[in-house]
Amino acid sequence: MDIITVEKRSVLTKAKQLRRNGIIPSVIYGGSLPESLLVQIDKNAAKKLLRCKREGSKMEIELDSKLIPVQIKDIDSNIVNNEILHISFQALEADKRVNSKAQIILENTDKVVGVLEQLLFEVPYSALPSDMIDTVVVDLEGLAVGKVLTLEDIPVFKNENIDLQVSADSMILKITDRKSS
């Protein structure tokens, strides 16, 4: 699990001013925290974090020499200039279930013979922090035309400690024959 260092931020400082100074405003809420914590992250550290983590990822935050287990709950960004505007973190408690989502990543898409249609990109679920999953990689090599892949075909989603919030027979992808005109 990755650790990122944050600092407390002042309520008086405007978010726009922080971003101009290379700081990303953030918040940590939930869990056993008595109240939400306003924090700030260095822009370069946030970019580095988001290259390997995404919404639903579990990690730890270091604040005032204390480690807080969290998940990335929301990333607010400007898609026009690819700028991170705000990151929300949810504090985790080891014995409390949390809602999250696992990203589906397709591998070897170039080896698919037919037309690949991905229908599900992320899977919402609830689990204890120890059972959380970040991403699920699906290897497409060797899948034939006509193949339909559902959530129940993926072993990690058969874990009894993970409660899917969509039907287990939900279609992830299908491979159809190339049609000639």
N, C-alpha and C. Protein backbone atom coordinates (compact mmCIF):
# COMPACT_ATOMS: atom_id res chain seq x y z
N MET A 1 0.85 -1.18 0.00
CA MET A 1 0.00 0.00 0.00
C MET A 1 0.89 1.24 0.00
N ASP A 2 0.55 2.21 -0.81
CA ASP A 2 1.33 3.44 -0.90
C ASP A 2 1.00 4.38 0.25
N ILE A 3 1.97 5.22 0.57
CA ILE A 3 1.80 6.23 1.61
C ILE A 3 2.09 7.58 0.99
N ILE A 4 1.21 8.55 1.24
CA ILE A 4 1.45 9.91 0.77
C ILE A 4 1.37 10.85 1.97
N THR A 5 2.27 11.81 2.01
CA THR A 5 2.32 12.77 3.12
C THR A 5 1.49 14.00 2.76
N VAL A 6 0.65 14.41 3.70
CA VAL A 6 -0.19 15.59 3.51
C VAL A 6 0.03 16.54 4.69
N GLU A 7 -0.43 17.76 4.52
CA GLU A 7 -0.37 18.75 5.59
C GLU A 7 -1.78 19.29 5.81
N LYS A 8 -2.05 19.74 7.03
CA LYS A 8 -3.34 20.38 7.29
C LYS A 8 -3.36 21.70 6.51
N ARG A 9 -4.57 22.10 6.12
CA ARG A 9 -4.68 23.37 5.41
C ARG A 9 -5.66 24.28 6.13
N SER A 10 -5.50 25.54 5.92
CA SER A 10 -6.34 26.54 6.57
C SER A 10 -7.65 26.70 5.82
N VAL A 11 -8.71 26.89 6.56
CA VAL A 11 -10.03 27.13 5.98
C VAL A 11 -10.03 28.48 5.26
N LEU A 12 -9.18 29.39 5.70
CA LEU A 12 -9.17 30.74 5.15
C LEU A 12 -8.53 30.83 3.77
N THR A 13 -7.68 29.88 3.42
CA THR A 13 -6.99 29.93 2.13
C THR A 13 -7.91 29.38 1.04
N LYS A 14 -8.07 30.13 -0.01
CA LYS A 14 -8.94 29.73 -1.13
C LYS A 14 -8.29 28.60 -1.93
N ALA A 15 -9.12 27.68 -2.41
CA ALA A 15 -8.64 26.54 -3.19
C ALA A 15 -7.91 27.00 -4.45
N LYS A 16 -8.42 28.02 -5.10
CA LYS A 16 -7.82 28.54 -6.33
C LYS A 16 -6.40 29.04 -6.07
N GLN A 17 -6.23 29.69 -4.92
CA GLN A 17 -4.90 30.20 -4.54
C GLN A 17 -3.94 29.04 -4.28
N LEU A 18 -4.42 27.99 -3.61
CA LEU A 18 -3.58 26.82 -3.36
C LEU A 18 -3.11 26.20 -4.67
N ARG A 19 -4.05 26.01 -5.60
CA ARG A 19 -3.70 25.40 -6.90
C ARG A 19 -2.68 26.24 -7.66
N ARG A 20 -2.81 27.56 -7.59
CA ARG A 20 -1.83 28.44 -8.24
C ARG A 20 -0.44 28.24 -7.66
N ASN A 21 -0.38 27.87 -6.38
CA ASN A 21 0.90 27.67 -5.69
C ASN A 21 1.38 26.22 -5.74
N GLY A 22 0.77 25.40 -6.60
CA GLY A 22 1.22 24.03 -6.76
C GLY A 22 0.75 23.08 -5.67
N ILE A 23 -0.37 23.41 -5.05
CA ILE A 23 -0.92 22.61 -3.96
C ILE A 23 -2.34 22.15 -4.35
N ILE A 24 -2.65 20.88 -4.08
CA ILE A 24 -3.98 20.35 -4.36
C ILE A 24 -4.77 20.29 -3.05
N PRO A 25 -5.89 21.01 -2.96
CA PRO A 25 -6.72 20.92 -1.76
C PRO A 25 -7.39 19.55 -1.69
N SER A 26 -7.49 19.01 -0.48
CA SER A 26 -8.07 17.68 -0.29
C SER A 26 -8.80 17.62 1.03
N VAL A 27 -9.52 16.51 1.22
CA VAL A 27 -10.26 16.30 2.48
C VAL A 27 -10.20 14.82 2.83
N ILE A 28 -10.14 14.55 4.13
CA ILE A 28 -10.24 13.18 4.64
C ILE A 28 -11.48 13.16 5.54
N TYR A 29 -12.38 12.21 5.30
CA TYR A 29 -13.61 12.17 6.11
C TYR A 29 -13.97 10.72 6.42
N GLY A 30 -14.92 10.57 7.33
CA GLY A 30 -15.46 9.24 7.65
C GLY A 30 -14.60 8.46 8.61
N GLY A 31 -14.87 7.16 8.66
CA GLY A 31 -14.13 6.28 9.56
C GLY A 31 -14.32 6.70 11.00
N SER A 32 -13.24 6.64 11.76
CA SER A 32 -13.32 7.00 13.18
C SER A 32 -12.95 8.47 13.41
N LEU A 33 -12.84 9.25 12.34
CA LEU A 33 -12.50 10.66 12.50
C LEU A 33 -13.69 11.41 13.10
N PRO A 34 -13.47 12.21 14.12
CA PRO A 34 -14.58 12.96 14.72
C PRO A 34 -15.14 14.02 13.77
N GLU A 35 -14.29 14.55 12.90
CA GLU A 35 -14.74 15.53 11.90
C GLU A 35 -13.82 15.45 10.69
N SER A 36 -14.28 16.00 9.59
CA SER A 36 -13.48 15.99 8.36
C SER A 36 -12.20 16.79 8.57
N LEU A 37 -11.13 16.32 7.91
CA LEU A 37 -9.84 17.00 7.99
C LEU A 37 -9.54 17.66 6.65
N LEU A 38 -9.34 18.96 6.66
CA LEU A 38 -8.94 19.67 5.45
C LEU A 38 -7.42 19.55 5.34
N VAL A 39 -6.96 19.00 4.22
CA VAL A 39 -5.53 18.80 4.02
C VAL A 39 -5.12 19.32 2.64
N GLN A 40 -3.83 19.35 2.42
CA GLN A 40 -3.30 19.76 1.12
C GLN A 40 -2.16 18.84 0.74
N ILE A 41 -2.03 18.62 -0.59
CA ILE A 41 -1.01 17.72 -1.13
C ILE A 41 -0.23 18.49 -2.19
N ASP A 42 1.07 18.28 -2.20
CA ASP A 42 1.90 18.86 -3.24
C ASP A 42 1.40 18.34 -4.60
N LYS A 43 1.29 19.23 -5.58
CA LYS A 43 0.76 18.89 -6.90
C LYS A 43 1.54 17.74 -7.56
N ASN A 44 2.87 17.76 -7.47
CA ASN A 44 3.67 16.70 -8.09
C ASN A 44 3.46 15.36 -7.39
N ALA A 45 3.32 15.38 -6.06
CA ALA A 45 3.05 14.15 -5.31
C ALA A 45 1.68 13.59 -5.68
N ALA A 46 0.69 14.47 -5.87
CA ALA A 46 -0.65 14.03 -6.26
C ALA A 46 -0.64 13.42 -7.66
N LYS A 47 0.08 14.04 -8.59
CA LYS A 47 0.18 13.48 -9.95
C LYS A 47 0.84 12.11 -9.94
N LYS A 48 1.91 11.98 -9.15
CA LYS A 48 2.61 10.71 -9.04
C LYS A 48 1.68 9.64 -8.44
N LEU A 49 0.93 10.01 -7.43
CA LEU A 49 -0.01 9.10 -6.79
C LEU A 49 -1.05 8.61 -7.79
N LEU A 50 -1.60 9.52 -8.57
CA LEU A 50 -2.69 9.17 -9.49
C LEU A 50 -2.22 8.45 -10.75
N ARG A 51 -0.91 8.35 -10.94
CA ARG A 51 -0.41 7.52 -12.05
C ARG A 51 -0.56 6.04 -11.72
N CYS A 52 -0.54 5.69 -10.42
CA CYS A 52 -0.65 4.28 -10.05
C CYS A 52 -1.90 3.97 -9.22
N LYS A 53 -2.63 4.96 -8.77
CA LYS A 53 -3.85 4.76 -7.99
C LYS A 53 -5.00 5.46 -8.69
N ARG A 54 -6.21 5.06 -8.33
CA ARG A 54 -7.42 5.65 -8.93
C ARG A 54 -8.53 5.64 -7.90
N GLU A 55 -9.71 6.14 -8.27
CA GLU A 55 -10.84 6.11 -7.35
C GLU A 55 -11.08 4.68 -6.91
N GLY A 56 -11.25 4.48 -5.61
CA GLY A 56 -11.46 3.16 -5.06
C GLY A 56 -10.18 2.52 -4.55
N SER A 57 -9.03 3.10 -4.83
CA SER A 57 -7.76 2.53 -4.38
C SER A 57 -7.57 2.73 -2.89
N LYS A 58 -7.01 1.71 -2.26
CA LYS A 58 -6.70 1.76 -0.84
C LYS A 58 -5.25 2.21 -0.67
N MET A 59 -4.99 3.04 0.34
CA MET A 59 -3.65 3.55 0.59
C MET A 59 -3.58 4.09 2.02
N GLU A 60 -2.46 4.71 2.37
CA GLU A 60 -2.34 5.35 3.68
C GLU A 60 -1.88 6.79 3.50
N ILE A 61 -2.37 7.64 4.40
CA ILE A 61 -1.99 9.05 4.41
C ILE A 61 -1.23 9.31 5.69
N GLU A 62 -0.09 9.99 5.56
CA GLU A 62 0.68 10.40 6.74
C GLU A 62 0.36 11.86 7.03
N LEU A 63 -0.20 12.08 8.22
CA LEU A 63 -0.56 13.44 8.65
C LEU A 63 -0.06 13.62 10.08
N ASP A 64 0.79 14.58 10.29
CA ASP A 64 1.37 14.84 11.62
C ASP A 64 1.97 13.58 12.23
N SER A 65 2.75 12.85 11.45
CA SER A 65 3.45 11.62 11.86
C SER A 65 2.51 10.47 12.22
N LYS A 66 1.24 10.56 11.85
CA LYS A 66 0.29 9.46 12.06
C LYS A 66 -0.15 8.93 10.71
N LEU A 67 -0.33 7.61 10.61
CA LEU A 67 -0.81 6.99 9.38
C LEU A 67 -2.31 6.76 9.47
N ILE A 68 -3.02 7.19 8.44
CA ILE A 68 -4.47 7.00 8.37
C ILE A 68 -4.77 6.14 7.15
N PRO A 69 -5.36 4.93 7.35
CA PRO A 69 -5.74 4.13 6.19
C PRO A 69 -6.95 4.76 5.51
N VAL A 70 -6.87 4.92 4.19
CA VAL A 70 -7.94 5.58 3.44
C VAL A 70 -8.15 4.89 2.10
N GLN A 71 -9.24 5.25 1.45
CA GLN A 71 -9.41 4.94 0.04
C GLN A 71 -9.65 6.26 -0.68
N ILE A 72 -9.23 6.32 -1.93
CA ILE A 72 -9.50 7.51 -2.73
C ILE A 72 -10.97 7.43 -3.12
N LYS A 73 -11.76 8.36 -2.64
CA LYS A 73 -13.20 8.31 -2.89
C LYS A 73 -13.59 9.10 -4.14
N ASP A 74 -12.94 10.25 -4.36
CA ASP A 74 -13.32 11.08 -5.50
C ASP A 74 -12.13 11.92 -5.94
N ILE A 75 -11.97 12.01 -7.26
CA ILE A 75 -10.94 12.87 -7.84
C ILE A 75 -11.65 13.86 -8.74
N ASP A 76 -11.56 15.11 -8.39
CA ASP A 76 -12.18 16.17 -9.19
C ASP A 76 -11.09 16.78 -10.05
N SER A 77 -11.29 16.76 -11.37
CA SER A 77 -10.26 17.30 -12.25
C SER A 77 -10.89 18.07 -13.40
N ASN A 78 -10.07 18.91 -14.01
CA ASN A 78 -10.46 19.67 -15.18
C ASN A 78 -9.96 18.87 -16.38
N ILE A 79 -10.88 18.27 -17.14
CA ILE A 79 -10.46 17.41 -18.24
C ILE A 79 -9.89 18.19 -19.42
N VAL A 80 -10.16 19.47 -19.50
CA VAL A 80 -9.65 20.28 -20.60
C VAL A 80 -8.13 20.43 -20.50
N ASN A 81 -7.64 20.77 -19.31
CA ASN A 81 -6.19 20.97 -19.16
C ASN A 81 -5.54 19.88 -18.29
N ASN A 82 -6.28 18.82 -17.99
CA ASN A 82 -5.77 17.68 -17.23
C ASN A 82 -5.19 18.11 -15.88
N GLU A 83 -5.90 19.02 -15.21
CA GLU A 83 -5.46 19.55 -13.92
C GLU A 83 -6.28 18.91 -12.80
N ILE A 84 -5.60 18.48 -11.74
CA ILE A 84 -6.29 17.94 -10.56
C ILE A 84 -6.80 19.12 -9.74
N LEU A 85 -8.09 19.12 -9.43
CA LEU A 85 -8.68 20.22 -8.68
C LEU A 85 -8.83 19.89 -7.19
N HIS A 86 -9.20 18.64 -6.87
CA HIS A 86 -9.48 18.26 -5.49
C HIS A 86 -9.49 16.75 -5.37
N ILE A 87 -9.03 16.22 -4.24
CA ILE A 87 -9.09 14.78 -3.99
C ILE A 87 -9.78 14.56 -2.64
N SER A 88 -10.77 13.67 -2.64
CA SER A 88 -11.46 13.30 -1.40
C SER A 88 -11.02 11.90 -0.99
N PHE A 89 -10.68 11.75 0.29
CA PHE A 89 -10.27 10.46 0.84
C PHE A 89 -11.27 10.05 1.91
N GLN A 90 -11.61 8.76 1.95
CA GLN A 90 -12.47 8.24 3.00
C GLN A 90 -11.61 7.41 3.95
N ALA A 91 -11.63 7.77 5.23
CA ALA A 91 -10.87 7.02 6.24
C ALA A 91 -11.51 5.64 6.40
N LEU A 92 -10.67 4.63 6.58
CA LEU A 92 -11.15 3.25 6.69
C LEU A 92 -10.97 2.74 8.11
N GLU A 93 -11.91 1.87 8.52
CA GLU A 93 -11.80 1.16 9.79
C GLU A 93 -11.77 -0.31 9.46
N ALA A 94 -10.85 -1.04 10.09
CA ALA A 94 -10.62 -2.45 9.77
C ALA A 94 -11.87 -3.31 9.89
N ASP A 95 -12.79 -2.97 10.78
CA ASP A 95 -13.95 -3.83 11.02
C ASP A 95 -15.25 -3.29 10.40
N LYS A 96 -15.17 -2.29 9.55
CA LYS A 96 -16.38 -1.72 8.92
C LYS A 96 -16.29 -1.84 7.41
N ARG A 97 -17.37 -2.36 6.82
CA ARG A 97 -17.46 -2.48 5.37
C ARG A 97 -17.50 -1.09 4.73
N VAL A 98 -16.96 -1.03 3.53
CA VAL A 98 -16.93 0.24 2.81
C VAL A 98 -17.35 -0.02 1.36
N ASN A 99 -18.04 0.93 0.77
CA ASN A 99 -18.38 0.85 -0.65
C ASN A 99 -17.19 1.33 -1.46
N SER A 100 -16.90 0.62 -2.52
CA SER A 100 -15.78 0.99 -3.38
C SER A 100 -16.07 0.54 -4.80
N LYS A 101 -15.07 0.63 -5.66
CA LYS A 101 -15.21 0.13 -7.02
C LYS A 101 -13.86 -0.36 -7.51
N ALA A 102 -13.92 -1.44 -8.28
CA ALA A 102 -12.71 -2.02 -8.87
C ALA A 102 -12.72 -1.69 -10.36
N GLN A 103 -11.60 -1.21 -10.86
CA GLN A 103 -11.47 -0.88 -12.27
C GLN A 103 -11.15 -2.15 -13.06
N ILE A 104 -11.74 -2.32 -14.22
CA ILE A 104 -11.45 -3.46 -15.08
C ILE A 104 -10.49 -3.01 -16.17
N ILE A 105 -9.33 -3.66 -16.22
CA ILE A 105 -8.31 -3.33 -17.19
C ILE A 105 -8.15 -4.51 -18.15
N LEU A 106 -8.27 -4.24 -19.43
CA LEU A 106 -8.14 -5.29 -20.44
C LEU A 106 -6.70 -5.34 -20.94
N GLU A 107 -6.17 -6.56 -20.99
CA GLU A 107 -4.80 -6.78 -21.43
C GLU A 107 -4.82 -7.58 -22.74
N ASN A 108 -3.88 -7.32 -23.62
CA ASN A 108 -3.75 -7.99 -24.92
C ASN A 108 -4.95 -7.75 -25.83
N THR A 109 -5.45 -6.53 -25.84
CA THR A 109 -6.57 -6.20 -26.72
C THR A 109 -6.18 -6.32 -28.19
N ASP A 110 -4.90 -6.15 -28.48
CA ASP A 110 -4.44 -6.23 -29.86
C ASP A 110 -4.47 -7.67 -30.40
N LYS A 111 -4.63 -8.64 -29.53
CA LYS A 111 -4.65 -10.04 -29.97
C LYS A 111 -6.06 -10.58 -30.16
N VAL A 112 -7.05 -9.73 -29.99
CA VAL A 112 -8.44 -10.15 -30.20
C VAL A 112 -8.71 -10.21 -31.70
N VAL A 113 -9.26 -11.34 -32.15
CA VAL A 113 -9.50 -11.55 -33.58
C VAL A 113 -10.75 -10.82 -34.06
N GLY A 114 -11.78 -10.77 -33.24
CA GLY A 114 -13.04 -10.14 -33.63
C GLY A 114 -13.12 -8.69 -33.19
N VAL A 115 -14.35 -8.21 -33.05
CA VAL A 115 -14.61 -6.85 -32.58
C VAL A 115 -14.86 -6.92 -31.08
N LEU A 116 -14.05 -6.21 -30.30
CA LEU A 116 -14.15 -6.20 -28.85
C LEU A 116 -15.06 -5.07 -28.40
N GLU A 117 -16.04 -5.41 -27.57
CA GLU A 117 -16.93 -4.39 -27.02
C GLU A 117 -16.92 -4.53 -25.52
N GLN A 118 -16.34 -3.54 -24.81
CA GLN A 118 -16.30 -3.56 -23.35
C GLN A 118 -17.53 -2.82 -22.84
N LEU A 119 -18.32 -3.49 -22.01
CA LEU A 119 -19.57 -2.93 -21.51
C LEU A 119 -19.47 -2.46 -20.06
N LEU A 120 -18.53 -3.00 -19.31
CA LEU A 120 -18.38 -2.67 -17.90
C LEU A 120 -16.93 -2.27 -17.65
N PHE A 121 -16.72 -1.07 -17.13
CA PHE A 121 -15.38 -0.55 -16.92
C PHE A 121 -14.97 -0.55 -15.45
N GLU A 122 -15.96 -0.52 -14.56
CA GLU A 122 -15.70 -0.59 -13.13
C GLU A 122 -16.84 -1.35 -12.45
N VAL A 123 -16.50 -1.99 -11.34
CA VAL A 123 -17.46 -2.84 -10.64
C VAL A 123 -17.65 -2.31 -9.22
N PRO A 124 -18.85 -1.81 -8.90
CA PRO A 124 -19.10 -1.36 -7.53
C PRO A 124 -19.31 -2.56 -6.60
N TYR A 125 -18.75 -2.45 -5.40
CA TYR A 125 -18.86 -3.54 -4.43
C TYR A 125 -18.71 -2.96 -3.02
N SER A 126 -18.96 -3.80 -2.01
CA SER A 126 -18.66 -3.42 -0.63
C SER A 126 -17.86 -4.55 -0.01
N ALA A 127 -16.92 -4.18 0.88
CA ALA A 127 -16.06 -5.16 1.52
C ALA A 127 -15.37 -4.51 2.71
N LEU A 128 -14.79 -5.36 3.56
CA LEU A 128 -13.93 -4.86 4.61
C LEU A 128 -12.63 -4.35 3.95
N PRO A 129 -11.94 -3.39 4.56
CA PRO A 129 -10.71 -2.89 3.96
C PRO A 129 -9.70 -3.98 3.60
N SER A 130 -9.63 -5.04 4.37
CA SER A 130 -8.66 -6.11 4.09
C SER A 130 -9.01 -6.89 2.82
N ASP A 131 -10.27 -6.81 2.37
CA ASP A 131 -10.70 -7.54 1.17
C ASP A 131 -10.87 -6.65 -0.06
N MET A 132 -10.51 -5.38 0.06
CA MET A 132 -10.71 -4.45 -1.05
C MET A 132 -9.80 -4.80 -2.23
N ILE A 133 -10.33 -4.60 -3.43
CA ILE A 133 -9.54 -4.79 -4.65
C ILE A 133 -9.54 -3.49 -5.43
N ASP A 134 -8.41 -3.22 -6.04
CA ASP A 134 -8.19 -1.96 -6.74
C ASP A 134 -8.52 -2.11 -8.22
N THR A 135 -7.88 -3.07 -8.85
CA THR A 135 -8.09 -3.31 -10.27
C THR A 135 -8.18 -4.81 -10.53
N VAL A 136 -8.85 -5.13 -11.62
CA VAL A 136 -8.93 -6.51 -12.09
C VAL A 136 -8.44 -6.51 -13.53
N VAL A 137 -7.38 -7.28 -13.78
CA VAL A 137 -6.81 -7.36 -15.12
C VAL A 137 -7.39 -8.59 -15.82
N VAL A 138 -7.96 -8.38 -16.99
CA VAL A 138 -8.53 -9.47 -17.79
C VAL A 138 -7.64 -9.66 -19.01
N ASP A 139 -7.04 -10.83 -19.12
CA ASP A 139 -6.18 -11.15 -20.26
C ASP A 139 -7.05 -11.69 -21.40
N LEU A 140 -7.03 -11.01 -22.53
CA LEU A 140 -7.89 -11.36 -23.66
C LEU A 140 -7.24 -12.33 -24.64
N GLU A 141 -5.97 -12.64 -24.42
CA GLU A 141 -5.29 -13.54 -25.35
C GLU A 141 -5.99 -14.90 -25.37
N GLY A 142 -6.28 -15.36 -26.57
CA GLY A 142 -6.90 -16.67 -26.74
C GLY A 142 -8.42 -16.68 -26.67
N LEU A 143 -9.04 -15.53 -26.40
CA LEU A 143 -10.51 -15.50 -26.37
C LEU A 143 -11.04 -15.49 -27.80
N ALA A 144 -11.98 -16.36 -28.06
CA ALA A 144 -12.49 -16.56 -29.42
C ALA A 144 -13.68 -15.64 -29.72
N VAL A 145 -13.97 -15.49 -31.00
CA VAL A 145 -15.15 -14.75 -31.45
C VAL A 145 -16.37 -15.44 -30.85
N GLY A 146 -17.30 -14.64 -30.36
CA GLY A 146 -18.50 -15.19 -29.74
C GLY A 146 -18.41 -15.26 -28.22
N LYS A 147 -17.23 -15.01 -27.68
CA LYS A 147 -17.02 -15.07 -26.23
C LYS A 147 -17.72 -13.91 -25.55
N VAL A 148 -18.44 -14.23 -24.48
CA VAL A 148 -19.07 -13.23 -23.62
C VAL A 148 -18.51 -13.46 -22.23
N LEU A 149 -17.94 -12.42 -21.63
CA LEU A 149 -17.34 -12.53 -20.31
C LEU A 149 -18.20 -11.78 -19.30
N THR A 150 -18.61 -12.46 -18.23
CA THR A 150 -19.43 -11.85 -17.18
C THR A 150 -18.63 -11.77 -15.89
N LEU A 151 -19.17 -11.07 -14.90
CA LEU A 151 -18.49 -10.95 -13.61
C LEU A 151 -18.27 -12.30 -12.96
N GLU A 152 -19.22 -13.22 -13.12
CA GLU A 152 -19.07 -14.53 -12.49
C GLU A 152 -17.95 -15.36 -13.12
N ASP A 153 -17.43 -14.92 -14.26
CA ASP A 153 -16.29 -15.60 -14.89
C ASP A 153 -14.95 -15.17 -14.29
N ILE A 154 -14.95 -14.13 -13.48
CA ILE A 154 -13.73 -13.59 -12.88
C ILE A 154 -13.61 -14.12 -11.45
N PRO A 155 -12.57 -14.91 -11.16
CA PRO A 155 -12.43 -15.54 -9.84
C PRO A 155 -12.49 -14.58 -8.64
N VAL A 156 -11.88 -13.40 -8.75
CA VAL A 156 -11.83 -12.48 -7.61
C VAL A 156 -13.24 -12.03 -7.19
N PHE A 157 -14.18 -12.00 -8.13
CA PHE A 157 -15.54 -11.58 -7.80
C PHE A 157 -16.37 -12.70 -7.19
N LYS A 158 -15.79 -13.90 -7.08
CA LYS A 158 -16.47 -15.01 -6.42
C LYS A 158 -16.14 -15.05 -4.93
N ASN A 159 -15.29 -14.15 -4.46
CA ASN A 159 -14.90 -14.07 -3.05
C ASN A 159 -16.15 -13.76 -2.22
N GLU A 160 -16.44 -14.60 -1.24
CA GLU A 160 -17.64 -14.41 -0.41
C GLU A 160 -17.55 -13.18 0.48
N ASN A 161 -16.35 -12.60 0.64
CA ASN A 161 -16.19 -11.40 1.45
C ASN A 161 -16.43 -10.12 0.66
N ILE A 162 -16.68 -10.26 -0.63
CA ILE A 162 -16.95 -9.11 -1.48
C ILE A 162 -18.41 -9.17 -1.93
N ASP A 163 -19.18 -8.15 -1.58
CA ASP A 163 -20.58 -8.07 -1.99
C ASP A 163 -20.69 -7.18 -3.23
N LEU A 164 -20.95 -7.82 -4.36
CA LEU A 164 -21.12 -7.06 -5.60
C LEU A 164 -22.40 -6.22 -5.51
N GLN A 165 -22.34 -5.02 -6.05
CA GLN A 165 -23.51 -4.15 -6.05
C GLN A 165 -24.14 -4.10 -7.44
N VAL A 166 -23.72 -5.03 -8.29
CA VAL A 166 -24.34 -5.27 -9.59
C VAL A 166 -24.50 -6.78 -9.71
N SER A 167 -25.33 -7.20 -10.61
CA SER A 167 -25.58 -8.62 -10.78
C SER A 167 -24.33 -9.37 -11.23
N ALA A 168 -24.13 -10.58 -10.69
CA ALA A 168 -22.96 -11.40 -11.04
C ALA A 168 -22.98 -11.81 -12.51
N ASP A 169 -24.15 -11.78 -13.13
CA ASP A 169 -24.22 -12.14 -14.55
C ASP A 169 -24.10 -10.91 -15.46
N SER A 170 -23.68 -9.78 -14.89
CA SER A 170 -23.45 -8.57 -15.70
C SER A 170 -22.32 -8.81 -16.68
N MET A 171 -22.54 -8.39 -17.91
CA MET A 171 -21.58 -8.61 -18.98
C MET A 171 -20.45 -7.57 -18.92
N ILE A 172 -19.20 -8.07 -18.90
CA ILE A 172 -18.03 -7.20 -18.92
C ILE A 172 -17.68 -6.85 -20.37
N LEU A 173 -17.63 -7.89 -21.20
CA LEU A 173 -17.27 -7.66 -22.60
C LEU A 173 -17.81 -8.77 -23.47
N LYS A 174 -17.81 -8.49 -24.74
CA LYS A 174 -18.15 -9.53 -25.73
C LYS A 174 -17.29 -9.32 -26.96
N ILE A 175 -17.03 -10.44 -27.64
CA ILE A 175 -16.23 -10.40 -28.86
C ILE A 175 -17.12 -10.91 -29.98
N THR A 176 -17.34 -10.06 -30.97
CA THR A 176 -18.20 -10.43 -32.09
C THR A 176 -17.38 -10.55 -33.36
N ASP A 177 -17.97 -11.19 -34.34
CA ASP A 177 -17.31 -11.39 -35.64
C ASP A 177 -17.27 -10.06 -36.39
N ARG A 178 -16.19 -9.82 -37.11
CA ARG A 178 -16.11 -8.63 -37.96
C ARG A 178 -17.09 -8.81 -39.11
N LYS A 179 -17.92 -7.81 -39.32
CA LYS A 179 -18.94 -7.90 -40.38
C LYS A 179 -18.44 -7.16 -41.61
N SER A 180 -18.58 -7.80 -42.75
CA SER A 180 -18.19 -7.12 -43.99
C SER A 180 -19.42 -6.50 -44.63
N SER A 181 -19.22 -5.33 -45.18
CA SER A 181 -20.34 -4.58 -45.76
C SER A 181 -20.65 -5.01 -47.16
